[in-house]
């Protein structure tokens, strides 16, 4: 679904951000309220989390570490609010946007920052292609393909129905009907509401 994270850029930025940041540990189901206003940068060093956009009550995605959230707000502050919720224990830290800008300026790290912002933009574009203007089945199909790329441990803790509904806002009855048909056709396998395997999914329902 996504291009590979620019991990080399992350490690360079992390080495400069971490020493002056405020560290925090998030236990499973702990949440942080985030704003894309350039005020705070949030970095997840270890763990898996989900990110939701509060205004639309929509799940943006589930992601493993590492992750830097807030860099786009340094360039283009906006008022969108997000909620980050830990799914596993997460080691994280935060620092002020003004501190972040100072570090980028002093150490000439804008190239690395741009690499990370570019990856975030590609991730958002990929999500939009999957969901915007697509019919219900195409959205469900794309979401199942996303889940198929997760590791087994993550799939074992995320309910298929809830994830698809939160990501797409398709009605639960439609999702249940499609999942039942895909299971009957042996295109997917589920156990206790969790996805265990995905085979080649039909293009049309």
N, C-alpha and C. Protein backbone atom coordinates (compact mmCIF):
# COMPACT_ATOMS: atom_id res chain seq x y z
N UNK A 1 0.82 -1.20 0.00
CA UNK A 1 0.00 0.00 0.00
C UNK A 1 0.86 1.25 0.00
N UNK A 2 1.89 1.28 0.82
CA UNK A 2 2.67 2.49 0.99
C UNK A 2 4.10 2.27 0.56
N UNK A 3 4.76 3.38 0.20
CA UNK A 3 6.19 3.33 -0.02
C UNK A 3 6.87 3.09 1.32
N UNK A 4 8.12 2.65 1.25
CA UNK A 4 8.86 2.30 2.46
C UNK A 4 9.17 3.56 3.27
N UNK A 5 9.01 3.44 4.59
CA UNK A 5 9.34 4.57 5.45
C UNK A 5 10.80 4.98 5.26
N UNK A 6 11.08 6.27 5.25
CA UNK A 6 12.47 6.73 5.15
C UNK A 6 13.17 6.63 6.51
N UNK A 7 13.56 5.42 6.86
CA UNK A 7 14.09 5.17 8.20
C UNK A 7 15.41 5.89 8.45
N UNK A 8 16.22 6.05 7.42
CA UNK A 8 17.49 6.76 7.62
C UNK A 8 17.22 8.20 8.03
N UNK A 9 16.21 8.84 7.40
CA UNK A 9 15.84 10.21 7.77
C UNK A 9 15.29 10.23 9.19
N UNK A 10 14.47 9.23 9.54
CA UNK A 10 13.93 9.18 10.91
C UNK A 10 15.06 9.13 11.94
N UNK A 11 16.03 8.26 11.73
CA UNK A 11 17.09 8.08 12.73
C UNK A 11 17.91 9.36 12.90
N UNK A 12 18.16 10.07 11.80
CA UNK A 12 18.90 11.33 11.91
C UNK A 12 18.10 12.35 12.71
N UNK A 13 16.82 12.49 12.39
CA UNK A 13 15.98 13.44 13.11
C UNK A 13 15.83 13.05 14.58
N UNK A 14 15.62 11.76 14.82
CA UNK A 14 15.44 11.26 16.18
C UNK A 14 16.67 11.55 17.05
N UNK A 15 17.85 11.39 16.49
CA UNK A 15 19.07 11.63 17.26
C UNK A 15 19.16 13.07 17.76
N UNK A 16 18.60 14.00 17.00
CA UNK A 16 18.65 15.41 17.39
C UNK A 16 17.45 15.81 18.24
N UNK A 17 16.30 15.20 17.99
CA UNK A 17 15.09 15.57 18.74
C UNK A 17 15.08 15.00 20.16
N UNK A 18 15.46 13.72 20.28
CA UNK A 18 15.25 13.00 21.54
C UNK A 18 15.94 13.62 22.75
N UNK A 19 17.19 14.09 22.63
CA UNK A 19 17.87 14.59 23.84
C UNK A 19 17.18 15.76 24.53
N UNK A 20 16.38 16.54 23.80
CA UNK A 20 15.75 17.70 24.46
C UNK A 20 14.24 17.52 24.61
N UNK A 21 13.73 16.35 24.28
CA UNK A 21 12.28 16.14 24.28
C UNK A 21 11.79 15.66 25.64
N UNK A 22 10.48 15.69 25.81
CA UNK A 22 9.82 15.16 27.01
C UNK A 22 9.32 13.76 26.70
N UNK A 23 9.90 12.77 27.37
CA UNK A 23 9.54 11.37 27.10
C UNK A 23 8.25 10.98 27.78
N UNK A 24 7.54 10.03 27.18
CA UNK A 24 6.33 9.49 27.79
C UNK A 24 6.12 8.06 27.33
N UNK A 25 5.45 7.29 28.17
CA UNK A 25 5.10 5.92 27.84
C UNK A 25 3.58 5.81 27.79
N UNK A 26 3.08 5.25 26.69
CA UNK A 26 1.64 5.03 26.54
C UNK A 26 1.37 3.55 26.66
N UNK A 27 0.49 3.20 27.59
CA UNK A 27 0.06 1.82 27.74
C UNK A 27 -1.11 1.56 26.80
N UNK A 28 -1.39 0.30 26.49
CA UNK A 28 -2.51 0.01 25.58
C UNK A 28 -3.80 0.72 26.01
N UNK A 29 -4.42 1.38 25.04
CA UNK A 29 -5.66 2.17 25.17
C UNK A 29 -5.43 3.56 25.74
N UNK A 30 -4.21 3.91 26.14
CA UNK A 30 -3.91 5.30 26.49
C UNK A 30 -4.00 6.16 25.23
N UNK A 31 -4.46 7.39 25.38
CA UNK A 31 -4.65 8.27 24.23
C UNK A 31 -3.96 9.61 24.43
N UNK A 32 -3.60 10.21 23.30
CA UNK A 32 -3.07 11.57 23.25
C UNK A 32 -3.91 12.38 22.28
N UNK A 33 -4.22 13.60 22.65
CA UNK A 33 -4.91 14.52 21.73
C UNK A 33 -3.85 15.32 20.99
N UNK A 34 -3.93 15.33 19.67
CA UNK A 34 -2.93 16.00 18.84
C UNK A 34 -3.61 17.03 17.94
N UNK A 35 -2.89 18.12 17.68
CA UNK A 35 -3.37 19.13 16.73
C UNK A 35 -2.29 19.38 15.70
N UNK A 36 -2.73 19.60 14.47
CA UNK A 36 -1.80 19.89 13.38
C UNK A 36 -1.60 21.40 13.26
N UNK A 37 -1.19 22.02 14.37
CA UNK A 37 -1.08 23.48 14.38
C UNK A 37 0.37 23.95 14.53
N UNK A 38 1.31 23.02 14.42
CA UNK A 38 2.71 23.39 14.49
C UNK A 38 3.25 23.58 15.89
N UNK A 39 2.43 23.40 16.92
CA UNK A 39 2.86 23.68 18.28
C UNK A 39 3.66 22.54 18.90
N UNK A 40 3.28 21.30 18.61
CA UNK A 40 3.90 20.14 19.26
C UNK A 40 4.24 19.08 18.20
N UNK A 41 5.43 18.54 18.32
CA UNK A 41 5.83 17.40 17.50
C UNK A 41 5.78 16.16 18.37
N UNK A 42 5.22 15.06 17.85
CA UNK A 42 5.10 13.81 18.60
C UNK A 42 5.84 12.72 17.84
N UNK A 43 6.69 11.99 18.53
CA UNK A 43 7.47 10.92 17.91
C UNK A 43 7.22 9.62 18.67
N UNK A 44 6.86 8.58 17.93
CA UNK A 44 6.67 7.24 18.50
C UNK A 44 7.90 6.42 18.13
N UNK A 45 8.66 6.02 19.12
CA UNK A 45 9.90 5.25 18.87
C UNK A 45 9.65 3.75 18.85
N UNK A 46 8.74 3.28 19.70
CA UNK A 46 8.43 1.85 19.79
C UNK A 46 6.94 1.69 20.02
N UNK A 47 6.35 0.64 19.41
CA UNK A 47 4.95 0.34 19.66
C UNK A 47 4.08 0.52 18.43
N UNK A 48 2.83 0.13 18.58
CA UNK A 48 1.83 0.23 17.52
C UNK A 48 0.66 1.05 18.03
N UNK A 49 0.11 1.90 17.18
CA UNK A 49 -0.95 2.82 17.59
C UNK A 49 -1.94 3.03 16.45
N UNK A 50 -3.09 3.60 16.81
CA UNK A 50 -4.04 4.03 15.78
C UNK A 50 -4.20 5.54 15.86
N UNK A 51 -4.54 6.15 14.73
CA UNK A 51 -4.70 7.59 14.64
C UNK A 51 -6.08 7.88 14.07
N UNK A 52 -6.85 8.70 14.78
CA UNK A 52 -8.21 9.05 14.35
C UNK A 52 -8.33 10.55 14.17
N UNK A 53 -9.09 10.95 13.15
CA UNK A 53 -9.39 12.37 12.96
C UNK A 53 -10.69 12.67 13.68
N UNK A 54 -10.62 13.58 14.63
CA UNK A 54 -11.73 13.76 15.57
C UNK A 54 -12.96 14.35 14.91
N UNK A 55 -12.77 15.39 14.06
CA UNK A 55 -13.93 16.07 13.50
C UNK A 55 -14.86 15.12 12.75
N UNK A 56 -14.26 14.23 11.92
CA UNK A 56 -15.08 13.30 11.13
C UNK A 56 -15.28 11.97 11.83
N UNK A 57 -14.68 11.79 13.01
CA UNK A 57 -14.76 10.53 13.74
C UNK A 57 -14.38 9.38 12.81
N UNK A 58 -13.22 9.53 12.16
CA UNK A 58 -12.80 8.52 11.20
C UNK A 58 -11.40 8.03 11.52
N UNK A 59 -11.19 6.75 11.34
CA UNK A 59 -9.89 6.15 11.59
C UNK A 59 -8.96 6.44 10.43
N UNK A 60 -7.90 7.15 10.68
CA UNK A 60 -6.92 7.45 9.64
C UNK A 60 -6.10 6.21 9.33
N UNK A 61 -5.70 5.49 10.37
CA UNK A 61 -4.94 4.28 10.13
C UNK A 61 -4.34 3.72 11.39
N UNK A 62 -3.77 2.53 11.24
CA UNK A 62 -3.04 1.85 12.31
C UNK A 62 -1.61 1.71 11.83
N UNK A 63 -0.66 2.03 12.69
CA UNK A 63 0.73 2.06 12.26
C UNK A 63 1.66 1.54 13.34
N UNK A 64 2.68 0.80 12.94
CA UNK A 64 3.76 0.47 13.87
C UNK A 64 4.78 1.61 13.88
N UNK A 65 5.60 1.62 14.92
CA UNK A 65 6.68 2.60 15.00
C UNK A 65 7.74 2.25 13.93
N UNK A 66 8.64 3.19 13.63
CA UNK A 66 8.69 4.56 14.17
C UNK A 66 7.76 5.48 13.41
N UNK A 67 7.41 6.60 14.05
CA UNK A 67 6.52 7.57 13.41
C UNK A 67 6.80 8.96 13.97
N UNK A 68 6.79 9.93 13.09
CA UNK A 68 6.88 11.34 13.48
C UNK A 68 5.59 12.00 13.06
N UNK A 69 4.88 12.60 14.00
CA UNK A 69 3.62 13.27 13.72
C UNK A 69 3.75 14.75 14.07
N UNK A 70 3.34 15.60 13.15
CA UNK A 70 3.35 17.03 13.42
C UNK A 70 4.27 17.84 12.53
N UNK A 71 5.17 17.19 11.78
CA UNK A 71 6.07 17.94 10.91
C UNK A 71 5.33 18.78 9.88
N UNK A 72 4.28 18.25 9.21
CA UNK A 72 3.58 19.10 8.24
C UNK A 72 3.04 20.39 8.86
N UNK A 73 2.65 20.34 10.14
CA UNK A 73 2.12 21.52 10.81
C UNK A 73 3.15 22.61 10.99
N UNK A 74 4.44 22.27 10.93
CA UNK A 74 5.48 23.29 11.01
C UNK A 74 5.48 24.17 9.78
N UNK A 75 5.11 23.58 8.64
CA UNK A 75 5.10 24.30 7.38
C UNK A 75 3.74 24.95 7.11
N UNK A 76 2.67 24.25 7.50
CA UNK A 76 1.32 24.70 7.15
C UNK A 76 0.38 24.43 8.33
N UNK A 77 0.43 25.26 9.37
CA UNK A 77 -0.41 25.02 10.54
C UNK A 77 -1.90 25.02 10.20
N UNK A 78 -2.60 24.03 10.67
CA UNK A 78 -4.05 23.93 10.48
C UNK A 78 -4.69 23.53 11.80
N UNK A 79 -6.00 23.56 11.82
CA UNK A 79 -6.70 23.35 13.08
C UNK A 79 -7.24 21.94 13.27
N UNK A 80 -6.89 21.00 12.36
CA UNK A 80 -7.41 19.64 12.51
C UNK A 80 -6.94 19.03 13.82
N UNK A 81 -7.84 18.29 14.46
CA UNK A 81 -7.51 17.60 15.70
C UNK A 81 -7.50 16.09 15.47
N UNK A 82 -6.54 15.44 16.06
CA UNK A 82 -6.39 14.00 15.93
C UNK A 82 -6.28 13.38 17.32
N UNK A 83 -6.59 12.10 17.39
CA UNK A 83 -6.37 11.36 18.63
C UNK A 83 -5.52 10.14 18.33
N UNK A 84 -4.44 10.02 19.07
CA UNK A 84 -3.56 8.86 18.96
C UNK A 84 -3.86 7.93 20.12
N UNK A 85 -4.09 6.65 19.83
CA UNK A 85 -4.38 5.66 20.87
C UNK A 85 -3.42 4.50 20.74
N UNK A 86 -2.74 4.17 21.82
CA UNK A 86 -1.78 3.07 21.82
C UNK A 86 -2.51 1.73 21.74
N UNK A 87 -2.05 0.85 20.87
CA UNK A 87 -2.57 -0.51 20.81
C UNK A 87 -1.66 -1.48 21.54
N UNK A 88 -0.37 -1.15 21.57
CA UNK A 88 0.60 -1.85 22.40
C UNK A 88 1.30 -0.78 23.23
N UNK A 89 2.16 -1.18 24.14
CA UNK A 89 2.90 -0.17 24.89
C UNK A 89 3.79 0.62 23.92
N UNK A 90 3.71 1.93 24.00
CA UNK A 90 4.44 2.81 23.09
C UNK A 90 5.41 3.70 23.86
N UNK A 91 6.65 3.72 23.40
CA UNK A 91 7.63 4.67 23.91
C UNK A 91 7.62 5.87 22.97
N UNK A 92 7.39 7.05 23.53
CA UNK A 92 7.21 8.23 22.70
C UNK A 92 7.84 9.44 23.36
N UNK A 93 7.87 10.53 22.62
CA UNK A 93 8.27 11.81 23.19
C UNK A 93 7.65 12.94 22.40
N UNK A 94 7.63 14.12 23.02
CA UNK A 94 7.11 15.32 22.37
C UNK A 94 8.08 16.47 22.57
N UNK A 95 8.08 17.39 21.60
CA UNK A 95 8.84 18.62 21.76
C UNK A 95 8.11 19.76 21.07
N UNK A 96 8.41 20.97 21.51
CA UNK A 96 7.75 22.14 20.98
C UNK A 96 8.12 22.35 19.51
N UNK A 97 7.14 22.83 18.74
CA UNK A 97 7.40 23.10 17.34
C UNK A 97 8.52 24.11 17.14
N UNK A 98 8.61 25.11 18.00
CA UNK A 98 9.67 26.11 17.89
C UNK A 98 11.04 25.48 18.11
N UNK A 99 11.12 24.53 19.07
CA UNK A 99 12.38 23.82 19.29
C UNK A 99 12.76 22.99 18.07
N UNK A 100 11.76 22.34 17.50
CA UNK A 100 11.98 21.51 16.32
C UNK A 100 12.54 22.35 15.17
N UNK A 101 11.93 23.51 14.93
CA UNK A 101 12.41 24.38 13.85
C UNK A 101 13.85 24.82 14.10
N UNK A 102 14.17 25.12 15.35
CA UNK A 102 15.53 25.52 15.68
C UNK A 102 16.53 24.42 15.39
N UNK A 103 16.18 23.19 15.73
CA UNK A 103 17.06 22.05 15.48
C UNK A 103 17.25 21.85 13.98
N UNK A 104 16.17 21.95 13.22
CA UNK A 104 16.26 21.78 11.77
C UNK A 104 17.13 22.85 11.15
N UNK A 105 17.01 24.08 11.63
CA UNK A 105 17.82 25.18 11.10
C UNK A 105 19.30 25.01 11.46
N UNK A 106 19.57 24.78 12.73
CA UNK A 106 20.96 24.74 13.18
C UNK A 106 21.75 23.58 12.58
N UNK A 107 21.06 22.46 12.37
CA UNK A 107 21.75 21.26 11.92
C UNK A 107 21.50 20.94 10.44
N UNK A 108 20.85 21.88 9.76
CA UNK A 108 20.58 21.71 8.32
C UNK A 108 19.91 20.35 8.04
N UNK A 109 18.79 20.14 8.74
CA UNK A 109 18.07 18.87 8.63
C UNK A 109 16.75 18.99 7.86
N UNK A 110 16.60 20.08 7.12
CA UNK A 110 15.34 20.25 6.39
C UNK A 110 15.17 19.18 5.31
N UNK A 111 16.26 18.70 4.76
CA UNK A 111 16.16 17.63 3.76
C UNK A 111 15.54 16.39 4.38
N UNK A 112 16.02 15.99 5.55
CA UNK A 112 15.47 14.81 6.23
C UNK A 112 14.02 15.04 6.63
N UNK A 113 13.71 16.27 7.08
CA UNK A 113 12.31 16.58 7.42
C UNK A 113 11.42 16.49 6.19
N UNK A 114 11.91 16.98 5.06
CA UNK A 114 11.12 16.91 3.83
C UNK A 114 10.91 15.46 3.40
N UNK A 115 11.92 14.61 3.57
CA UNK A 115 11.75 13.20 3.23
C UNK A 115 10.61 12.58 4.03
N UNK A 116 10.55 12.92 5.32
CA UNK A 116 9.49 12.34 6.15
C UNK A 116 8.13 12.91 5.77
N UNK A 117 8.04 14.23 5.55
CA UNK A 117 6.77 14.85 5.17
C UNK A 117 6.31 14.29 3.82
N UNK A 118 7.25 14.07 2.91
CA UNK A 118 6.89 13.50 1.60
C UNK A 118 6.31 12.10 1.76
N UNK A 119 6.88 11.30 2.67
CA UNK A 119 6.34 9.96 2.89
C UNK A 119 4.93 10.03 3.47
N UNK A 120 4.70 10.94 4.43
CA UNK A 120 3.37 11.11 5.00
C UNK A 120 2.37 11.48 3.90
N UNK A 121 2.78 12.38 3.00
CA UNK A 121 1.90 12.79 1.90
C UNK A 121 1.56 11.61 0.99
N UNK A 122 2.54 10.77 0.70
CA UNK A 122 2.29 9.59 -0.13
C UNK A 122 1.34 8.62 0.57
N UNK A 123 1.50 8.47 1.89
CA UNK A 123 0.62 7.58 2.65
C UNK A 123 -0.82 8.09 2.59
N UNK A 124 -1.01 9.38 2.74
CA UNK A 124 -2.35 9.96 2.67
C UNK A 124 -2.94 9.82 1.28
N UNK A 125 -2.10 10.00 0.26
CA UNK A 125 -2.58 9.86 -1.11
C UNK A 125 -3.02 8.43 -1.39
N UNK A 126 -2.24 7.46 -0.91
CA UNK A 126 -2.59 6.06 -1.11
C UNK A 126 -3.93 5.75 -0.45
N UNK A 127 -4.15 6.28 0.74
CA UNK A 127 -5.42 6.05 1.43
C UNK A 127 -6.57 6.67 0.65
N UNK A 128 -6.38 7.89 0.14
CA UNK A 128 -7.43 8.56 -0.62
C UNK A 128 -7.79 7.77 -1.88
N UNK A 129 -6.78 7.24 -2.56
CA UNK A 129 -7.04 6.47 -3.78
C UNK A 129 -7.90 5.25 -3.46
N UNK A 130 -7.66 4.64 -2.31
CA UNK A 130 -8.41 3.45 -1.93
C UNK A 130 -9.86 3.74 -1.56
N UNK A 131 -10.12 4.92 -1.00
CA UNK A 131 -11.42 5.16 -0.37
C UNK A 131 -12.29 6.21 -1.07
N UNK A 132 -11.71 7.26 -1.57
CA UNK A 132 -12.52 8.36 -2.11
C UNK A 132 -13.05 8.00 -3.49
N UNK A 133 -14.36 8.11 -3.65
CA UNK A 133 -14.99 7.85 -4.93
C UNK A 133 -15.15 6.38 -5.26
N UNK A 134 -14.82 5.51 -4.33
CA UNK A 134 -14.93 4.07 -4.57
C UNK A 134 -16.25 3.55 -3.99
N UNK A 135 -16.76 2.48 -4.60
CA UNK A 135 -17.98 1.88 -4.06
C UNK A 135 -17.65 1.10 -2.79
N UNK A 136 -18.67 0.64 -2.10
CA UNK A 136 -18.48 0.00 -0.81
C UNK A 136 -17.58 -1.23 -0.90
N UNK A 137 -17.81 -2.06 -1.92
CA UNK A 137 -17.00 -3.26 -2.02
C UNK A 137 -15.53 -2.92 -2.25
N UNK A 138 -15.26 -1.96 -3.12
CA UNK A 138 -13.87 -1.59 -3.40
C UNK A 138 -13.17 -1.09 -2.14
N UNK A 139 -13.90 -0.33 -1.30
CA UNK A 139 -13.32 0.14 -0.04
C UNK A 139 -13.04 -1.01 0.91
N UNK A 140 -13.98 -1.94 1.00
CA UNK A 140 -13.79 -3.12 1.86
C UNK A 140 -12.62 -3.96 1.36
N UNK A 141 -12.57 -4.17 0.05
CA UNK A 141 -11.48 -4.95 -0.56
C UNK A 141 -10.11 -4.31 -0.25
N UNK A 142 -10.01 -2.99 -0.45
CA UNK A 142 -8.75 -2.29 -0.20
C UNK A 142 -8.35 -2.39 1.26
N UNK A 143 -9.33 -2.31 2.16
CA UNK A 143 -9.03 -2.37 3.59
C UNK A 143 -8.56 -3.77 3.99
N UNK A 144 -9.17 -4.78 3.42
CA UNK A 144 -8.71 -6.15 3.68
C UNK A 144 -7.27 -6.35 3.19
N UNK A 145 -6.94 -5.73 2.06
CA UNK A 145 -5.58 -5.84 1.55
C UNK A 145 -4.58 -5.15 2.47
N UNK A 146 -5.00 -4.02 3.05
CA UNK A 146 -4.15 -3.35 4.03
C UNK A 146 -3.92 -4.27 5.22
N UNK A 147 -4.98 -4.87 5.73
CA UNK A 147 -4.86 -5.75 6.90
C UNK A 147 -4.01 -6.98 6.60
N UNK A 148 -4.06 -7.46 5.36
CA UNK A 148 -3.29 -8.66 5.01
C UNK A 148 -1.79 -8.42 5.12
N UNK A 149 -1.37 -7.16 5.06
CA UNK A 149 0.05 -6.82 5.16
C UNK A 149 0.52 -6.65 6.60
N UNK A 150 -0.41 -6.64 7.55
CA UNK A 150 -0.03 -6.54 8.96
C UNK A 150 0.61 -7.85 9.40
N UNK A 151 1.39 -7.78 10.49
CA UNK A 151 1.91 -9.02 11.04
C UNK A 151 0.79 -9.75 11.80
N UNK A 152 1.03 -11.01 12.06
CA UNK A 152 0.00 -11.87 12.65
C UNK A 152 -0.47 -11.35 14.00
N UNK A 153 0.46 -10.84 14.80
CA UNK A 153 0.12 -10.36 16.14
C UNK A 153 -0.85 -9.19 16.08
N UNK A 154 -0.66 -8.29 15.12
CA UNK A 154 -1.56 -7.15 14.99
C UNK A 154 -2.94 -7.59 14.50
N UNK A 155 -2.98 -8.47 13.50
CA UNK A 155 -4.27 -8.96 13.00
C UNK A 155 -5.05 -9.67 14.10
N UNK A 156 -4.33 -10.33 15.03
CA UNK A 156 -4.99 -11.09 16.08
C UNK A 156 -5.67 -10.20 17.11
N UNK A 157 -5.34 -8.90 17.14
CA UNK A 157 -5.94 -8.02 18.15
C UNK A 157 -6.95 -7.04 17.56
N UNK A 158 -7.10 -6.98 16.23
CA UNK A 158 -7.98 -6.01 15.59
C UNK A 158 -9.16 -6.72 14.93
N UNK A 159 -10.37 -6.39 15.35
CA UNK A 159 -11.56 -6.98 14.74
C UNK A 159 -11.77 -6.45 13.33
N UNK A 160 -12.03 -7.35 12.40
CA UNK A 160 -12.19 -6.96 11.00
C UNK A 160 -13.36 -6.00 10.82
N UNK A 161 -14.49 -6.35 11.38
CA UNK A 161 -15.69 -5.53 11.22
C UNK A 161 -15.48 -4.11 11.73
N UNK A 162 -14.95 -4.00 12.94
CA UNK A 162 -14.76 -2.67 13.52
C UNK A 162 -13.77 -1.84 12.73
N UNK A 163 -12.68 -2.46 12.30
CA UNK A 163 -11.66 -1.72 11.57
C UNK A 163 -12.22 -1.18 10.25
N UNK A 164 -12.90 -2.02 9.51
CA UNK A 164 -13.46 -1.57 8.23
C UNK A 164 -14.48 -0.47 8.46
N UNK A 165 -15.35 -0.63 9.46
CA UNK A 165 -16.39 0.36 9.71
C UNK A 165 -15.80 1.71 10.13
N UNK A 166 -14.80 1.67 11.00
CA UNK A 166 -14.18 2.91 11.46
C UNK A 166 -13.39 3.59 10.35
N UNK A 167 -12.81 2.81 9.46
CA UNK A 167 -11.99 3.38 8.38
C UNK A 167 -12.84 3.92 7.24
N UNK A 168 -14.01 3.32 7.00
CA UNK A 168 -14.79 3.67 5.81
C UNK A 168 -16.15 4.30 6.10
N UNK A 169 -16.70 4.05 7.30
CA UNK A 169 -18.05 4.45 7.68
C UNK A 169 -19.13 3.75 6.85
N UNK A 170 -18.79 2.64 6.24
CA UNK A 170 -19.78 1.80 5.58
C UNK A 170 -20.61 1.12 6.67
N UNK A 171 -21.89 0.90 6.41
CA UNK A 171 -22.76 0.31 7.43
C UNK A 171 -22.29 -1.10 7.78
N UNK A 172 -22.49 -1.46 9.04
CA UNK A 172 -22.06 -2.77 9.50
C UNK A 172 -22.79 -3.90 8.78
N UNK A 173 -24.04 -3.66 8.40
CA UNK A 173 -24.79 -4.72 7.70
C UNK A 173 -24.18 -5.01 6.33
N UNK A 174 -23.76 -3.96 5.61
CA UNK A 174 -23.13 -4.15 4.30
C UNK A 174 -21.79 -4.86 4.46
N UNK A 175 -21.01 -4.43 5.46
CA UNK A 175 -19.71 -5.06 5.70
C UNK A 175 -19.89 -6.54 6.03
N UNK A 176 -20.85 -6.84 6.89
CA UNK A 176 -21.10 -8.24 7.28
C UNK A 176 -21.49 -9.08 6.07
N UNK A 177 -22.32 -8.52 5.19
CA UNK A 177 -22.74 -9.26 3.99
C UNK A 177 -21.55 -9.56 3.09
N UNK A 178 -20.69 -8.58 2.88
CA UNK A 178 -19.53 -8.78 2.00
C UNK A 178 -18.56 -9.77 2.62
N UNK A 179 -18.28 -9.64 3.90
CA UNK A 179 -17.36 -10.57 4.56
C UNK A 179 -17.89 -12.00 4.50
N UNK A 180 -19.19 -12.16 4.69
CA UNK A 180 -19.78 -13.51 4.64
C UNK A 180 -19.60 -14.11 3.25
N UNK A 181 -19.82 -13.29 2.22
CA UNK A 181 -19.67 -13.79 0.85
C UNK A 181 -18.21 -14.14 0.54
N UNK A 182 -17.28 -13.33 1.01
CA UNK A 182 -15.86 -13.62 0.77
C UNK A 182 -15.42 -14.87 1.52
N UNK A 183 -15.95 -15.08 2.70
CA UNK A 183 -15.62 -16.29 3.45
C UNK A 183 -16.22 -17.52 2.75
N UNK A 184 -17.45 -17.38 2.27
CA UNK A 184 -18.09 -18.51 1.59
C UNK A 184 -17.33 -18.88 0.31
N UNK A 185 -16.74 -17.88 -0.34
CA UNK A 185 -15.97 -18.13 -1.55
C UNK A 185 -14.53 -18.51 -1.29
N UNK A 186 -14.17 -18.65 -0.01
CA UNK A 186 -12.80 -19.01 0.40
C UNK A 186 -11.77 -17.96 -0.03
N UNK A 187 -12.20 -16.70 -0.12
CA UNK A 187 -11.26 -15.63 -0.44
C UNK A 187 -10.55 -15.11 0.81
N UNK A 188 -11.22 -15.22 1.95
CA UNK A 188 -10.60 -14.82 3.21
C UNK A 188 -10.91 -15.87 4.26
N UNK A 189 -10.09 -15.88 5.31
CA UNK A 189 -10.35 -16.73 6.46
C UNK A 189 -10.35 -15.87 7.71
N UNK A 190 -11.31 -16.12 8.60
CA UNK A 190 -11.42 -15.37 9.83
C UNK A 190 -11.60 -16.34 10.99
N UNK A 191 -11.19 -15.88 12.17
CA UNK A 191 -11.37 -16.66 13.39
C UNK A 191 -11.77 -15.73 14.51
N UNK A 192 -12.96 -15.92 15.04
CA UNK A 192 -13.48 -15.09 16.13
C UNK A 192 -13.43 -13.60 15.78
N UNK A 193 -13.79 -13.30 14.55
CA UNK A 193 -13.87 -11.91 14.11
C UNK A 193 -12.55 -11.30 13.69
N UNK A 194 -11.47 -12.08 13.75
CA UNK A 194 -10.15 -11.59 13.37
C UNK A 194 -9.74 -12.19 12.02
N UNK A 195 -9.00 -11.43 11.24
CA UNK A 195 -8.57 -11.88 9.92
C UNK A 195 -7.34 -12.76 10.06
N UNK A 196 -7.41 -13.96 9.49
CA UNK A 196 -6.26 -14.87 9.58
C UNK A 196 -5.53 -15.00 8.25
N UNK A 197 -6.25 -14.88 7.13
CA UNK A 197 -5.58 -14.94 5.83
C UNK A 197 -6.44 -14.30 4.76
N UNK A 198 -5.78 -13.79 3.73
CA UNK A 198 -6.44 -13.20 2.56
C UNK A 198 -5.83 -13.81 1.32
N UNK A 199 -6.69 -14.35 0.47
CA UNK A 199 -6.23 -14.87 -0.81
C UNK A 199 -6.53 -13.80 -1.86
N UNK A 200 -6.43 -14.12 -3.10
CA UNK A 200 -6.69 -13.15 -4.16
C UNK A 200 -8.16 -12.77 -4.14
N UNK A 201 -8.42 -11.47 -3.91
CA UNK A 201 -9.80 -11.00 -3.80
C UNK A 201 -10.36 -10.63 -5.17
N UNK A 202 -11.61 -10.97 -5.42
CA UNK A 202 -12.23 -10.59 -6.70
C UNK A 202 -12.30 -9.08 -6.84
N UNK A 203 -12.18 -8.59 -8.08
CA UNK A 203 -12.24 -7.15 -8.31
C UNK A 203 -13.63 -6.59 -8.10
N UNK A 204 -14.64 -7.41 -8.34
CA UNK A 204 -16.01 -6.94 -8.22
C UNK A 204 -16.79 -7.90 -7.33
N UNK A 205 -17.82 -7.36 -6.72
CA UNK A 205 -18.66 -8.13 -5.80
C UNK A 205 -19.90 -8.63 -6.53
